[in-house]
Amino acid sequence: MRGWKLLQWGAAFIAVAVLLVWALQGMHIFTKQQRKVVHREEDPLFGTVRERVEWQPDFRLGLDIAGPVAVVAGAAAALGWWRARKASARRMSHNHE
């Protein structure tokens, strides 16, 4: 019984944590590994503006990873809940005999 309860709560925590991280990082559909940074440089002599694009490493969790992880963790939590409930019902039926 204890193992199934641990599975249930651990998996539920993982599912909620993954979805929370996904939501806090911007709810992107696809996982992003870099961030586009645009630097604007103005030439004081000619008054022209030049843009320089730079890509910096920046991990943003996307739904393509967070979704399956949350589904698997949610299924494991449901399995833990079902097994714990089944074990509890079995104990109750043995106590009443």
PDB file of N, CA and C in Angstrom:
ATOM      1  N   MET A   1       0.831  -1.199   0.000  1.00  0.00           N
ATOM      2  CA  MET A   1       0.000   0.000   0.000  1.00  0.00           C
ATOM      3  C   MET A   1       0.869   1.254   0.000  1.00  0.00           C
ATOM      4  N   ARG A   2       1.887   1.242   0.808  1.00  0.00           N
ATOM      5  CA  ARG A   2       2.719   2.426   0.940  1.00  0.00           C
ATOM      6  C   ARG A   2       3.407   2.788  -0.379  1.00  0.00           C
ATOM      7  N   GLY A   3       3.845   1.778  -1.114  1.00  0.00           N
ATOM      8  CA  GLY A   3       4.521   2.009  -2.385  1.00  0.00           C
ATOM      9  C   GLY A   3       3.610   2.651  -3.413  1.00  0.00           C
ATOM     10  N   TRP A   4       2.354   2.225  -3.454  1.00  0.00           N
ATOM     11  CA  TRP A   4       1.426   2.798  -4.418  1.00  0.00           C
ATOM     12  C   TRP A   4       1.075   4.234  -4.061  1.00  0.00           C
ATOM     13  N   LYS A   5       0.961   4.516  -2.781  1.00  0.00           N
ATOM     14  CA  LYS A   5       0.701   5.900  -2.345  1.00  0.00           C
ATOM     15  C   LYS A   5       1.874   6.801  -2.709  1.00  0.00           C
ATOM     16  N   LEU A   6       3.094   6.283  -2.507  1.00  0.00           N
ATOM     17  CA  LEU A   6       4.287   7.051  -2.857  1.00  0.00           C
ATOM     18  C   LEU A   6       4.320   7.318  -4.362  1.00  0.00           C
ATOM     19  N   LEU A   7       4.010   6.305  -5.159  1.00  0.00           N
ATOM     20  CA  LEU A   7       3.940   6.480  -6.609  1.00  0.00           C
ATOM     21  C   LEU A   7       2.884   7.509  -6.974  1.00  0.00           C
ATOM     22  N   GLN A   8       1.753   7.411  -6.346  1.00  0.00           N
ATOM     23  CA  GLN A   8       0.644   8.329  -6.633  1.00  0.00           C
ATOM     24  C   GLN A   8       1.036   9.779  -6.377  1.00  0.00           C
ATOM     25  N   TRP A   9       1.545  10.073  -5.221  1.00  0.00           N
ATOM     26  CA  TRP A   9       1.884  11.449  -4.865  1.00  0.00           C
ATOM     27  C   TRP A   9       3.120  11.953  -5.603  1.00  0.00           C
ATOM     28  N   GLY A  10       4.113  11.084  -5.784  1.00  0.00           N
ATOM     29  CA  GLY A  10       5.307  11.492  -6.524  1.00  0.00           C
ATOM     30  C   GLY A  10       4.989  11.817  -7.972  1.00  0.00           C
ATOM     31  N   ALA A  11       4.196  10.985  -8.617  1.00  0.00           N
ATOM     32  CA  ALA A  11       3.826  11.218 -10.013  1.00  0.00           C
ATOM     33  C   ALA A  11       2.942  12.451 -10.155  1.00  0.00           C
ATOM     34  N   ALA A  12       2.040  12.652  -9.223  1.00  0.00           N
ATOM     35  CA  ALA A  12       1.184  13.843  -9.265  1.00  0.00           C
ATOM     36  C   ALA A  12       2.030  15.106  -9.102  1.00  0.00           C
ATOM     37  N   PHE A  13       3.015  15.059  -8.217  1.00  0.00           N
ATOM     38  CA  PHE A  13       3.914  16.206  -8.026  1.00  0.00           C
ATOM     39  C   PHE A  13       4.697  16.488  -9.300  1.00  0.00           C
ATOM     40  N   ILE A  14       5.213  15.438  -9.954  1.00  0.00           N
ATOM     41  CA  ILE A  14       5.980  15.620 -11.195  1.00  0.00           C
ATOM     42  C   ILE A  14       5.092  16.222 -12.283  1.00  0.00           C
ATOM     43  N   ALA A  15       3.879  15.728 -12.423  1.00  0.00           N
ATOM     44  CA  ALA A  15       2.965  16.247 -13.448  1.00  0.00           C
ATOM     45  C   ALA A  15       2.670  17.727 -13.224  1.00  0.00           C
ATOM     46  N   VAL A  16       2.377  18.099 -12.000  1.00  0.00           N
ATOM     47  CA  VAL A  16       2.066  19.501 -11.695  1.00  0.00           C
ATOM     48  C   VAL A  16       3.306  20.373 -11.857  1.00  0.00           C
ATOM     49  N   ALA A  17       4.458  19.889 -11.412  1.00  0.00           N
ATOM     50  CA  ALA A  17       5.691  20.672 -11.513  1.00  0.00           C
ATOM     51  C   ALA A  17       6.083  20.921 -12.968  1.00  0.00           C
ATOM     52  N   VAL A  18       5.972  19.903 -13.807  1.00  0.00           N
ATOM     53  CA  VAL A  18       6.320  20.071 -15.226  1.00  0.00           C
ATOM     54  C   VAL A  18       5.393  21.076 -15.894  1.00  0.00           C
ATOM     55  N   LEU A  19       4.101  20.980 -15.624  1.00  0.00           N
ATOM     56  CA  LEU A  19       3.159  21.927 -16.223  1.00  0.00           C
ATOM     57  C   LEU A  19       3.351  23.344 -15.680  1.00  0.00           C
ATOM     58  N   LEU A  20       3.731  23.455 -14.423  1.00  0.00           N
ATOM     59  CA  LEU A  20       3.997  24.772 -13.839  1.00  0.00           C
ATOM     60  C   LEU A  20       5.233  25.406 -14.468  1.00  0.00           C
ATOM     61  N   VAL A  21       6.295  24.630 -14.640  1.00  0.00           N
ATOM     62  CA  VAL A  21       7.512  25.147 -15.293  1.00  0.00           C
ATOM     63  C   VAL A  21       7.190  25.569 -16.721  1.00  0.00           C
ATOM     64  N   TRP A  22       6.409  24.753 -17.432  1.00  0.00           N
ATOM     65  CA  TRP A  22       6.020  25.078 -18.802  1.00  0.00           C
ATOM     66  C   TRP A  22       5.239  26.397 -18.839  1.00  0.00           C
ATOM     67  N   ALA A  23       4.318  26.570 -17.909  1.00  0.00           N
ATOM     68  CA  ALA A  23       3.510  27.793 -17.868  1.00  0.00           C
ATOM     69  C   ALA A  23       4.365  29.013 -17.528  1.00  0.00           C
ATOM     70  N   LEU A  24       5.280  28.863 -16.581  1.00  0.00           N
ATOM     71  CA  LEU A  24       6.119  29.991 -16.168  1.00  0.00           C
ATOM     72  C   LEU A  24       7.146  30.381 -17.226  1.00  0.00           C
ATOM     73  N   GLN A  25       7.518  29.443 -18.092  1.00  0.00           N
ATOM     74  CA  GLN A  25       8.501  29.749 -19.126  1.00  0.00           C
ATOM     75  C   GLN A  25       7.870  30.230 -20.420  1.00  0.00           C
ATOM     76  N   GLY A  26       6.583  30.477 -20.439  1.00  0.00           N
ATOM     77  CA  GLY A  26       5.966  31.117 -21.585  1.00  0.00           C
ATOM     78  C   GLY A  26       4.990  30.279 -22.374  1.00  0.00           C
ATOM     79  N   MET A  27       4.724  29.051 -21.982  1.00  0.00           N
ATOM     80  CA  MET A  27       3.754  28.172 -22.639  1.00  0.00           C
ATOM     81  C   MET A  27       4.007  28.035 -24.136  1.00  0.00           C
ATOM     82  N   HIS A  28       5.238  27.728 -24.502  1.00  0.00           N
ATOM     83  CA  HIS A  28       5.587  27.523 -25.902  1.00  0.00           C
ATOM     84  C   HIS A  28       5.158  26.125 -26.347  1.00  0.00           C
ATOM     85  N   ILE A  29       4.819  26.008 -27.616  1.00  0.00           N
ATOM     86  CA  ILE A  29       4.440  24.706 -28.165  1.00  0.00           C
ATOM     87  C   ILE A  29       5.686  23.831 -28.309  1.00  0.00           C
ATOM     88  N   PHE A  30       6.750  24.403 -28.853  1.00  0.00           N
ATOM     89  CA  PHE A  30       7.987  23.655 -29.066  1.00  0.00           C
ATOM     90  C   PHE A  30       9.061  24.113 -28.090  1.00  0.00           C
ATOM     91  N   THR A  31       9.934  23.195 -27.702  1.00  0.00           N
ATOM     92  CA  THR A  31      11.035  23.511 -26.799  1.00  0.00           C
ATOM     93  C   THR A  31      12.039  24.394 -27.526  1.00  0.00           C
ATOM     94  N   LYS A  32      12.465  25.451 -26.867  1.00  0.00           N
ATOM     95  CA  LYS A  32      13.432  26.379 -27.458  1.00  0.00           C
ATOM     96  C   LYS A  32      14.747  26.272 -26.691  1.00  0.00           C
ATOM     97  N   GLN A  33      15.832  26.233 -27.444  1.00  0.00           N
ATOM     98  CA  GLN A  33      17.147  26.110 -26.817  1.00  0.00           C
ATOM     99  C   GLN A  33      17.980  27.370 -26.948  1.00  0.00           C
ATOM    100  N   GLN A  34      17.531  28.305 -27.766  1.00  0.00           N
ATOM    101  CA  GLN A  34      18.242  29.559 -27.936  1.00  0.00           C
ATOM    102  C   GLN A  34      17.258  30.715 -27.962  1.00  0.00           C
ATOM    103  N   ARG A  35      17.788  31.898 -27.667  1.00  0.00           N
ATOM    104  CA  ARG A  35      16.975  33.108 -27.659  1.00  0.00           C
ATOM    105  C   ARG A  35      17.611  34.119 -28.609  1.00  0.00           C
ATOM    106  N   LYS A  36      16.794  34.742 -29.416  1.00  0.00           N
ATOM    107  CA  LYS A  36      17.269  35.739 -30.381  1.00  0.00           C
ATOM    108  C   LYS A  36      17.398  37.093 -29.687  1.00  0.00           C
ATOM    109  N   VAL A  37      18.603  37.675 -29.770  1.00  0.00           N
ATOM    110  CA  VAL A  37      18.852  38.991 -29.179  1.00  0.00           C
ATOM    111  C   VAL A  37      19.265  39.926 -30.315  1.00  0.00           C
ATOM    112  N   VAL A  38      18.528  41.007 -30.486  1.00  0.00           N
ATOM    113  CA  VAL A  38      18.814  41.976 -31.545  1.00  0.00           C
ATOM    114  C   VAL A  38      19.477  43.196 -30.924  1.00  0.00           C
ATOM    115  N   HIS A  39      20.670  43.513 -31.419  1.00  0.00           N
ATOM    116  CA  HIS A  39      21.405  44.698 -30.954  1.00  0.00           C
ATOM    117  C   HIS A  39      21.269  45.786 -32.020  1.00  0.00           C
ATOM    118  N   ARG A  40      20.803  46.937 -31.624  1.00  0.00           N
ATOM    119  CA  ARG A  40      20.676  48.066 -32.548  1.00  0.00           C
ATOM    120  C   ARG A  40      21.868  48.988 -32.344  1.00  0.00           C
ATOM    121  N   GLU A  41      22.587  49.217 -33.404  1.00  0.00           N
ATOM    122  CA  GLU A  41      23.766  50.091 -33.346  1.00  0.00           C
ATOM    123  C   GLU A  41      23.541  51.263 -34.303  1.00  0.00           C
ATOM    124  N   GLU A  42      23.639  52.462 -33.762  1.00  0.00           N
ATOM    125  CA  GLU A  42      23.429  53.652 -34.582  1.00  0.00           C
ATOM    126  C   GLU A  42      24.778  54.263 -34.925  1.00  0.00           C
ATOM    127  N   ASP A  43      24.934  54.573 -36.182  1.00  0.00           N
ATOM    128  CA  ASP A  43      26.155  55.228 -36.650  1.00  0.00           C
ATOM    129  C   ASP A  43      25.969  56.729 -36.445  1.00  0.00           C
ATOM    130  N   PRO A  44      26.749  57.357 -35.555  1.00  0.00           N
ATOM    131  CA  PRO A  44      26.546  58.778 -35.262  1.00  0.00           C
ATOM    132  C   PRO A  44      26.917  59.681 -36.445  1.00  0.00           C
ATOM    133  N   LEU A  45      27.811  59.222 -37.283  1.00  0.00           N
ATOM    134  CA  LEU A  45      28.263  60.040 -38.399  1.00  0.00           C
ATOM    135  C   LEU A  45      27.212  60.107 -39.509  1.00  0.00           C
ATOM    136  N   PHE A  46      26.636  58.973 -39.854  1.00  0.00           N
ATOM    137  CA  PHE A  46      25.682  58.939 -40.956  1.00  0.00           C
ATOM    138  C   PHE A  46      24.229  58.840 -40.488  1.00  0.00           C
ATOM    139  N   GLY A  47      23.994  58.529 -39.240  1.00  0.00           N
ATOM    140  CA  GLY A  47      22.645  58.461 -38.700  1.00  0.00           C
ATOM    141  C   GLY A  47      21.887  57.197 -39.080  1.00  0.00           C
ATOM    142  N   THR A  48      22.585  56.202 -39.581  1.00  0.00           N
ATOM    143  CA  THR A  48      21.918  54.953 -39.941  1.00  0.00           C
ATOM    144  C   THR A  48      21.893  54.010 -38.738  1.00  0.00           C
ATOM    145  N   VAL A  49      20.908  53.144 -38.745  1.00  0.00           N
ATOM    146  CA  VAL A  49      20.756  52.162 -37.672  1.00  0.00           C
ATOM    147  C   VAL A  49      21.016  50.784 -38.268  1.00  0.00           C
ATOM    148  N   ARG A  50      21.894  50.057 -37.641  1.00  0.00           N
ATOM    149  CA  ARG A  50      22.230  48.705 -38.088  1.00  0.00           C
ATOM    150  C   ARG A  50      21.823  47.727 -36.993  1.00  0.00           C
ATOM    151  N   GLU A  51      21.186  46.647 -37.398  1.00  0.00           N
ATOM    152  CA  GLU A  51      20.777  45.625 -36.435  1.00  0.00           C
ATOM    153  C   GLU A  51      21.700  44.424 -36.556  1.00  0.00           C
ATOM    154  N   ARG A  52      22.142  43.956 -35.415  1.00  0.00           N
ATOM    155  CA  ARG A  52      22.983  42.764 -35.370  1.00  0.00           C
ATOM    156  C   ARG A  52      22.247  41.717 -34.531  1.00  0.00           C
ATOM    157  N   VAL A  53      22.045  40.540 -35.119  1.00  0.00           N
ATOM    158  CA  VAL A  53      21.308  39.467 -34.455  1.00  0.00           C
ATOM    159  C   VAL A  53      22.304  38.500 -33.827  1.00  0.00           C
ATOM    160  N   GLU A  54      22.024  38.148 -32.578  1.00  0.00           N
ATOM    161  CA  GLU A  54      22.884  37.210 -31.846  1.00  0.00           C
ATOM    162  C   GLU A  54      21.976  36.172 -31.190  1.00  0.00           C
ATOM    163  N   TRP A  55      22.381  34.915 -31.249  1.00  0.00           N
ATOM    164  CA  TRP A  55      21.623  33.833 -30.619  1.00  0.00           C
ATOM    165  C   TRP A  55      22.332  33.415 -29.341  1.00  0.00           C
ATOM    166  N   GLN A  56      21.626  33.486 -28.234  1.00  0.00           N
ATOM    167  CA  GLN A  56      22.193  33.110 -26.939  1.00  0.00           C
ATOM    168  C   GLN A  56      21.499  31.849 -26.425  1.00  0.00           C
ATOM    169  N   PRO A  57      22.258  30.969 -25.743  1.00  0.00           N
ATOM    170  CA  PRO A  57      21.626  29.764 -25.185  1.00  0.00           C
ATOM    171  C   PRO A  57      20.591  30.136 -24.121  1.00  0.00           C
ATOM    172  N   ASP A  58      19.411  29.561 -24.255  1.00  0.00           N
ATOM    173  CA  ASP A  58      18.335  29.836 -23.308  1.00  0.00           C
ATOM    174  C   ASP A  58      17.290  28.730 -23.458  1.00  0.00           C
ATOM    175  N   PHE A  59      17.189  27.850 -22.482  1.00  0.00           N
ATOM    176  CA  PHE A  59      16.271  26.720 -22.567  1.00  0.00           C
ATOM    177  C   PHE A  59      14.890  27.139 -22.093  1.00  0.00           C
ATOM    178  N   ARG A  60      13.894  26.914 -22.950  1.00  0.00           N
ATOM    179  CA  ARG A  60      12.484  27.156 -22.620  1.00  0.00           C
ATOM    180  C   ARG A  60      11.725  25.869 -22.891  1.00  0.00           C
ATOM    181  N   LEU A  61      11.152  25.300 -21.847  1.00  0.00           N
ATOM    182  CA  LEU A  61      10.429  24.039 -21.961  1.00  0.00           C
ATOM    183  C   LEU A  61       9.180  24.225 -22.811  1.00  0.00           C
ATOM    184  N   GLY A  62       9.004  23.338 -23.770  1.00  0.00           N
ATOM    185  CA  GLY A  62       7.851  23.405 -24.650  1.00  0.00           C
ATOM    186  C   GLY A  62       6.870  22.289 -24.346  1.00  0.00           C
ATOM    187  N   LEU A  63       5.698  22.411 -24.937  1.00  0.00           N
ATOM    188  CA  LEU A  63       4.654  21.419 -24.731  1.00  0.00           C
ATOM    189  C   LEU A  63       5.015  20.086 -25.378  1.00  0.00           C
ATOM    190  N   ASP A  64       5.946  20.111 -26.341  1.00  0.00           N
ATOM    191  CA  ASP A  64       6.355  18.862 -26.980  1.00  0.00           C
ATOM    192  C   ASP A  64       7.069  17.927 -26.009  1.00  0.00           C
ATOM    193  N   ILE A  65       7.660  18.459 -24.960  1.00  0.00           N
ATOM    194  CA  ILE A  65       8.282  17.637 -23.908  1.00  0.00           C
ATOM    195  C   ILE A  65       7.384  17.599 -22.666  1.00  0.00           C
ATOM    196  N   ALA A  66       6.870  18.756 -22.266  1.00  0.00           N
ATOM    197  CA  ALA A  66       6.072  18.843 -21.038  1.00  0.00           C
ATOM    198  C   ALA A  66       4.776  18.047 -21.132  1.00  0.00           C
ATOM    199  N   GLY A  67       4.156  18.027 -22.295  1.00  0.00           N
ATOM    200  CA  GLY A  67       2.890  17.315 -22.462  1.00  0.00           C
ATOM    201  C   GLY A  67       3.002  15.824 -22.212  1.00  0.00           C
ATOM    202  N   PRO A  68       3.888  15.129 -22.948  1.00  0.00           N
ATOM    203  CA  PRO A  68       4.026  13.687 -22.712  1.00  0.00           C
ATOM    204  C   PRO A  68       4.488  13.343 -21.292  1.00  0.00           C
ATOM    205  N   VAL A  69       5.387  14.158 -20.725  1.00  0.00           N
ATOM    206  CA  VAL A  69       5.852  13.888 -19.359  1.00  0.00           C
ATOM    207  C   VAL A  69       4.684  14.022 -18.379  1.00  0.00           C
ATOM    208  N   ALA A  70       3.863  15.052 -18.546  1.00  0.00           N
ATOM    209  CA  ALA A  70       2.712  15.251 -17.660  1.00  0.00           C
ATOM    210  C   ALA A  70       1.681  14.138 -17.837  1.00  0.00           C
ATOM    211  N   VAL A  71       1.476  13.680 -19.076  1.00  0.00           N
ATOM    212  CA  VAL A  71       0.513  12.600 -19.314  1.00  0.00           C
ATOM    213  C   VAL A  71       0.980  11.304 -18.673  1.00  0.00           C
ATOM    214  N   VAL A  72       2.251  10.968 -18.851  1.00  0.00           N
ATOM    215  CA  VAL A  72       2.785   9.734 -18.257  1.00  0.00           C
ATOM    216  C   VAL A  72       2.744   9.820 -16.729  1.00  0.00           C
ATOM    217  N   ALA A  73       3.140  10.964 -16.173  1.00  0.00           N
ATOM    218  CA  ALA A  73       3.107  11.122 -14.719  1.00  0.00           C
ATOM    219  C   ALA A  73       1.672  11.093 -14.203  1.00  0.00           C
ATOM    220  N   GLY A  74       0.749  11.699 -14.942  1.00  0.00           N
ATOM    221  CA  GLY A  74      -0.660  11.652 -14.543  1.00  0.00           C
ATOM    222  C   GLY A  74      -1.218  10.239 -14.589  1.00  0.00           C
ATOM    223  N   ALA A  75      -0.817   9.476 -15.617  1.00  0.00           N
ATOM    224  CA  ALA A  75      -1.254   8.081 -15.701  1.00  0.00           C
ATOM    225  C   ALA A  75      -0.679   7.255 -14.553  1.00  0.00           C
ATOM    226  N   ALA A  76       0.579   7.518 -14.198  1.00  0.00           N
ATOM    227  CA  ALA A  76       1.182   6.807 -13.068  1.00  0.00           C
ATOM    228  C   ALA A  76       0.480   7.176 -11.762  1.00  0.00           C
ATOM    229  N   ALA A  77       0.091   8.448 -11.622  1.00  0.00           N
ATOM    230  CA  ALA A  77      -0.650   8.864 -10.422  1.00  0.00           C
ATOM    231  C   ALA A  77      -2.018   8.185 -10.376  1.00  0.00           C
ATOM    232  N   ALA A  78      -2.682   8.088 -11.520  1.00  0.00           N
ATOM    233  CA  ALA A  78      -3.981   7.418 -11.574  1.00  0.00           C
ATOM    234  C   ALA A  78      -3.832   5.931 -11.256  1.00  0.00           C
ATOM    235  N   LEU A  79      -2.781   5.313 -11.766  1.00  0.00           N
ATOM    236  CA  LEU A  79      -2.518   3.906 -11.463  1.00  0.00           C
ATOM    237  C   LEU A  79      -2.270   3.713  -9.964  1.00  0.00           C
ATOM    238  N   GLY A  80      -1.476   4.593  -9.369  1.00  0.00           N
ATOM    239  CA  GLY A  80      -1.230   4.522  -7.932  1.00  0.00           C
ATOM    240  C   GLY A  80      -2.495   4.696  -7.128  1.00  0.00           C
ATOM    241  N   TRP A  81      -3.352   5.639  -7.549  1.00  0.00           N
ATOM    242  CA  TRP A  81      -4.613   5.869  -6.857  1.00  0.00           C
ATOM    243  C   TRP A  81      -5.509   4.632  -6.990  1.00  0.00           C
ATOM    244  N   TRP A  82      -5.582   4.065  -8.187  1.00  0.00           N
ATOM    245  CA  TRP A  82      -6.428   2.902  -8.430  1.00  0.00           C
ATOM    246  C   TRP A  82      -5.949   1.705  -7.617  1.00  0.00           C
ATOM    247  N   ARG A  83      -4.631   1.460  -7.599  1.00  0.00           N
ATOM    248  CA  ARG A  83      -4.096   0.319  -6.855  1.00  0.00           C
ATOM    249  C   ARG A  83      -4.270   0.503  -5.343  1.00  0.00           C
ATOM    250  N   ALA A  84      -4.072   1.727  -4.862  1.00  0.00           N
ATOM    251  CA  ALA A  84      -4.251   1.993  -3.427  1.00  0.00           C
ATOM    252  C   ALA A  84      -5.715   1.809  -3.033  1.00  0.00           C
ATOM    253  N   ARG A  85      -6.623   2.249  -3.882  1.00  0.00           N
ATOM    254  CA  ARG A  85      -8.052   2.106  -3.603  1.00  0.00           C
ATOM    255  C   ARG A  85      -8.463   0.636  -3.641  1.00  0.00           C
ATOM    256  N   LYS A  86      -7.907  -0.102  -4.602  1.00  0.00           N
ATOM    257  CA  LYS A  86      -8.193  -1.528  -4.717  1.00  0.00           C
ATOM    258  C   LYS A  86      -7.675  -2.285  -3.484  1.00  0.00           C
ATOM    259  N   ALA A  87      -6.472  -1.942  -3.037  1.00  0.00           N
ATOM    260  CA  ALA A  87      -5.907  -2.590  -1.855  1.00  0.00           C
ATOM    261  C   ALA A  87      -6.718  -2.240  -0.611  1.00  0.00           C
ATOM    262  N   SER A  88      -7.189  -1.004  -0.528  1.00  0.00           N
ATOM    263  CA  SER A  88      -7.997  -0.578   0.615  1.00  0.00           C
ATOM    264  C   SER A  88      -9.336  -1.318   0.639  1.00  0.00           C
ATOM    265  N   ALA A  89      -9.956  -1.488  -0.519  1.00  0.00           N
ATOM    266  CA  ALA A  89     -11.232  -2.208  -0.593  1.00  0.00           C
ATOM    267  C   ALA A  89     -11.041  -3.669  -0.233  1.00  0.00           C
ATOM    268  N   ARG A  90      -9.930  -4.234  -0.649  1.00  0.00           N
ATOM    269  CA  ARG A  90      -9.655  -5.630  -0.348  1.00  0.00           C
ATOM    270  C   ARG A  90      -9.454  -5.814   1.170  1.00  0.00           C
ATOM    271  N   ARG A  91      -8.753  -4.857   1.800  1.00  0.00           N
ATOM    272  CA  ARG A  91      -8.550  -4.944   3.257  1.00  0.00           C
ATOM    273  C   ARG A  91      -9.876  -4.797   3.986  1.00  0.00           C
ATOM    274  N   MET A  92     -10.726  -3.908   3.487  1.00  0.00           N
ATOM    275  CA  MET A  92     -12.019  -3.698   4.147  1.00  0.00           C
ATOM    276  C   MET A  92     -12.892  -4.939   4.029  1.00  0.00           C
ATOM    277  N   SER A  93     -12.848  -5.636   2.896  1.00  0.00           N
ATOM    278  CA  SER A  93     -13.678  -6.822   2.736  1.00  0.00           C
ATOM    279  C   SER A  93     -13.150  -7.980   3.616  1.00  0.00           C
ATOM    280  N   HIS A  94     -11.842  -8.032   3.834  1.00  0.00           N
ATOM    281  CA  HIS A  94     -11.283  -9.073   4.714  1.00  0.00           C
ATOM    282  C   HIS A  94     -11.597  -8.787   6.179  1.00  0.00           C
ATOM    283  N   ASN A  95     -11.709  -7.530   6.553  1.00  0.00           N
ATOM    284  CA  ASN A  95     -12.005  -7.171   7.929  1.00  0.00           C
ATOM    285  C   ASN A  95     -13.460  -7.467   8.295  1.00  0.00           C
ATOM    286  N   HIS A  96     -14.372  -7.450   7.334  1.00  0.00           N
ATOM    287  CA  HIS A  96     -15.776  -7.645   7.613  1.00  0.00           C
ATOM    288  C   HIS A  96     -16.169  -9.137   7.561  1.00  0.00           C
ATOM    289  N   GLU A  97     -15.286 -10.006   7.158  1.00  0.00           N
ATOM    290  CA  GLU A  97     -15.619 -11.434   7.078  1.00  0.00           C
ATOM    291  C   GLU A  97     -15.506 -12.124   8.400  1.00  0.00           C
TER     292      GLU A  97
END
